[in-house]
């Protein structure tokens, strides 16, 4: 029986092909897993940042003398809320009173509203939203006066009335 070198070379070639295929599969699966992990981490960070933007309605004051009113707001979240992310609605209709308002974490501010959209006794809902939550009050429960002072508010979605502003 003659033995040649051909079967040895064939086995070595088959082993090399198998090892290279396993290496290719390992690299490919590693890259797929890395891409999925990075994408998930980015989306998670975006959602966490959004959930840390929380707003509370401190007060709603209406004045028939000036035909206007204002909504006092407080950022009760742990991150700043940039201008344009605070949305104001009266009975579901978008208002532009908060479009330029930006609030740092823990800061307060106010948005103007018109008595045409919210007047005492109208039972209209004033809702303020951010990415993380919303808070609302009813027009009919608010006294006339200026925007100074605190209290008020009702909570929905984690908003709560919040404490009155410091003196």
Protein backbone atom coordinates (compact mmCIF):
# COMPACT_ATOMS: atom_id res chain seq x y z
CA UNK A 1 0.00 0.00 0.00
CA UNK A 2 1.39 3.34 -1.07
CA UNK A 3 0.79 6.40 0.95
CA UNK A 4 1.23 9.78 -0.59
CA UNK A 5 1.30 13.33 0.62
CA UNK A 6 -1.95 14.25 -1.17
CA UNK A 7 -4.35 13.16 1.64
CA UNK A 8 -2.32 15.13 4.21
CA UNK A 9 -2.44 18.27 2.10
CA UNK A 10 -6.20 17.80 1.56
CA UNK A 11 -6.82 17.52 5.31
CA UNK A 12 -4.69 20.59 6.03
CA UNK A 13 -6.57 22.57 3.35
CA UNK A 14 -9.95 21.50 4.75
CA UNK A 15 -8.87 22.51 8.27
CA UNK A 16 -7.68 25.93 7.02
CA UNK A 17 -10.96 26.53 5.15
CA UNK A 18 -12.97 25.55 8.25
CA UNK A 19 -10.92 27.80 10.55
CA UNK A 20 -11.23 30.76 8.16
CA UNK A 21 -15.03 30.28 7.92
CA UNK A 22 -15.33 30.17 11.72
CA UNK A 23 -13.20 33.34 11.97
CA UNK A 24 -15.33 35.12 9.38
CA UNK A 25 -18.55 34.13 11.17
CA UNK A 26 -17.13 35.30 14.52
CA UNK A 27 -16.16 38.72 13.14
CA UNK A 28 -19.52 39.14 11.39
CA UNK A 29 -21.59 38.22 14.48
CA UNK A 30 -19.40 40.46 16.68
CA UNK A 31 -20.03 43.46 14.43
CA UNK A 32 -23.77 42.78 14.29
CA UNK A 33 -23.93 42.57 18.09
CA UNK A 34 -21.84 45.73 18.49
CA UNK A 35 -24.05 47.71 16.10
CA UNK A 36 -27.20 46.54 17.86
CA UNK A 37 -25.76 47.42 21.27
CA UNK A 38 -24.70 50.91 20.19
CA UNK A 39 -28.09 51.62 18.61
CA UNK A 40 -29.96 50.40 21.69
CA UNK A 41 -27.74 52.42 24.01
CA UNK A 42 -28.32 55.60 21.98
CA UNK A 43 -32.11 55.11 21.97
CA UNK A 44 -32.12 54.36 25.70
CA UNK A 45 -30.13 57.51 26.47
CA UNK A 46 -32.53 59.58 24.37
CA UNK A 47 -35.55 58.16 26.22
CA UNK A 48 -33.95 58.65 29.64
CA UNK A 49 -33.15 62.26 28.77
CA UNK A 50 -36.74 62.77 27.62
CA UNK A 51 -38.14 61.25 30.84
CA UNK A 52 -36.00 63.57 32.98
CA UNK A 53 -37.76 66.62 31.49
CA UNK A 54 -40.71 67.11 33.82
CA UNK A 55 -42.96 70.12 34.21
CA UNK A 56 -45.50 71.14 36.85
CA UNK A 57 -48.13 73.87 36.69
CA UNK A 58 -47.59 76.01 39.80
CA UNK A 59 -50.32 78.53 39.12
CA UNK A 60 -52.81 79.81 36.57
CA UNK A 61 -53.86 83.44 36.92
CA UNK A 62 -56.43 85.22 34.79
CA UNK A 63 -57.06 88.95 34.61
CA UNK A 64 -60.18 90.39 33.01
CA UNK A 65 -58.68 93.85 33.41
CA UNK A 66 -55.88 93.09 30.92
CA UNK A 67 -57.78 90.37 29.00
CA UNK A 68 -54.81 88.04 29.49
CA UNK A 69 -53.52 85.46 31.90
CA UNK A 70 -50.46 83.42 32.56
CA UNK A 71 -49.49 79.93 33.55
CA UNK A 72 -46.65 79.63 36.09
CA UNK A 73 -44.53 76.56 35.45
CA UNK A 74 -41.75 74.75 37.30
CA UNK A 75 -39.20 72.32 35.88
CA UNK A 76 -39.32 69.45 38.40
CA UNK A 77 -37.04 67.26 36.30
CA UNK A 78 -33.29 66.82 36.54
CA UNK A 79 -32.35 68.28 33.13
CA UNK A 80 -32.96 71.59 31.39
CA UNK A 81 -35.90 71.95 29.03
CA UNK A 82 -34.89 73.97 25.94
CA UNK A 83 -37.14 76.48 24.21
CA UNK A 84 -39.70 74.86 21.96
CA UNK A 85 -40.10 71.66 24.01
CA UNK A 86 -42.75 73.03 26.38
CA UNK A 87 -46.16 72.78 24.73
CA UNK A 88 -49.27 74.59 25.99
CA UNK A 89 -52.81 73.45 25.15
CA UNK A 90 -56.19 74.89 26.12
CA UNK A 91 -58.95 72.32 25.67
CA UNK A 92 -56.71 70.39 23.27
CA UNK A 93 -55.92 73.39 21.05
CA UNK A 94 -52.22 74.27 20.82
CA UNK A 95 -51.23 77.71 22.08
CA UNK A 96 -48.04 79.63 21.30
CA UNK A 97 -47.50 81.17 24.76
CA UNK A 98 -44.67 78.80 25.75
CA UNK A 99 -42.80 78.54 22.46
CA UNK A 100 -39.82 80.61 23.61
CA UNK A 101 -39.72 79.48 27.25
CA UNK A 102 -36.65 77.49 28.35
CA UNK A 103 -36.32 76.20 31.93
CA UNK A 104 -33.23 74.97 33.73
CA UNK A 105 -33.67 72.11 36.20
CA UNK A 106 -35.64 73.44 39.20
CA UNK A 107 -36.34 76.81 37.54
CA UNK A 108 -39.70 78.51 37.16
CA UNK A 109 -41.18 80.52 34.33
CA UNK A 110 -44.51 81.61 32.91
CA UNK A 111 -46.44 81.47 29.64
CA UNK A 112 -49.04 83.98 28.50
CA UNK A 113 -52.55 82.93 27.52
CA UNK A 114 -55.49 84.90 26.19
CA UNK A 115 -58.82 85.16 27.95
CA UNK A 116 -60.39 84.26 24.63
CA UNK A 117 -59.03 80.75 25.11
CA UNK A 118 -59.35 80.43 28.89
CA UNK A 119 -61.66 82.50 31.05
CA UNK A 120 -62.90 82.00 34.59
CA UNK A 121 -65.89 79.71 34.66
CA UNK A 122 -65.22 78.11 31.28
CA UNK A 123 -64.14 74.70 32.67
CA UNK A 124 -61.50 74.50 29.95
CA UNK A 125 -58.45 72.35 30.63
CA UNK A 126 -55.04 74.04 30.42
CA UNK A 127 -52.42 71.36 29.76
CA UNK A 128 -48.66 71.80 29.63
CA UNK A 129 -46.49 69.00 28.25
CA UNK A 130 -42.83 68.13 27.81
CA UNK A 131 -41.19 64.94 26.64
CA UNK A 132 -41.35 63.40 30.11
CA UNK A 133 -44.79 64.26 31.42
CA UNK A 134 -47.75 66.60 31.42
CA UNK A 135 -49.65 68.63 34.01
CA UNK A 136 -52.99 70.37 33.80
CA UNK A 137 -55.40 72.72 35.57
CA UNK A 138 -58.96 73.84 34.90
CA UNK A 139 -59.72 77.46 34.04
CA UNK A 140 -62.83 77.54 36.23
CA UNK A 141 -60.92 76.81 39.44
CA UNK A 142 -58.47 79.68 39.10
CA UNK A 143 -58.96 83.11 40.71
CA UNK A 144 -58.26 86.37 38.99
CA UNK A 145 -54.98 88.09 39.74
CA UNK A 146 -51.41 88.31 38.58
CA UNK A 147 -48.99 85.49 37.82
CA UNK A 148 -47.17 85.88 41.14
CA UNK A 149 -47.69 83.21 43.78
CA UNK A 150 -47.83 79.46 43.81
CA UNK A 151 -50.12 76.59 44.54
CA UNK A 152 -52.65 75.31 42.09
CA UNK A 153 -51.88 72.60 39.67
CA UNK A 154 -53.25 69.17 39.44
CA UNK A 155 -51.18 66.27 38.47
CA UNK A 156 -51.36 63.97 35.55
CA UNK A 157 -48.49 61.90 34.32
CA UNK A 158 -46.26 62.68 37.29
CA UNK A 159 -46.69 66.44 37.18
CA UNK A 160 -48.35 67.41 40.43
CA UNK A 161 -48.89 70.94 41.56
CA UNK A 162 -45.43 71.30 43.03
CA UNK A 163 -44.50 73.63 45.88
CA UNK A 164 -45.13 77.35 45.63
CA UNK A 165 -42.22 79.44 44.34
CA UNK A 166 -39.78 80.73 46.98
CA UNK A 167 -40.44 84.24 48.35
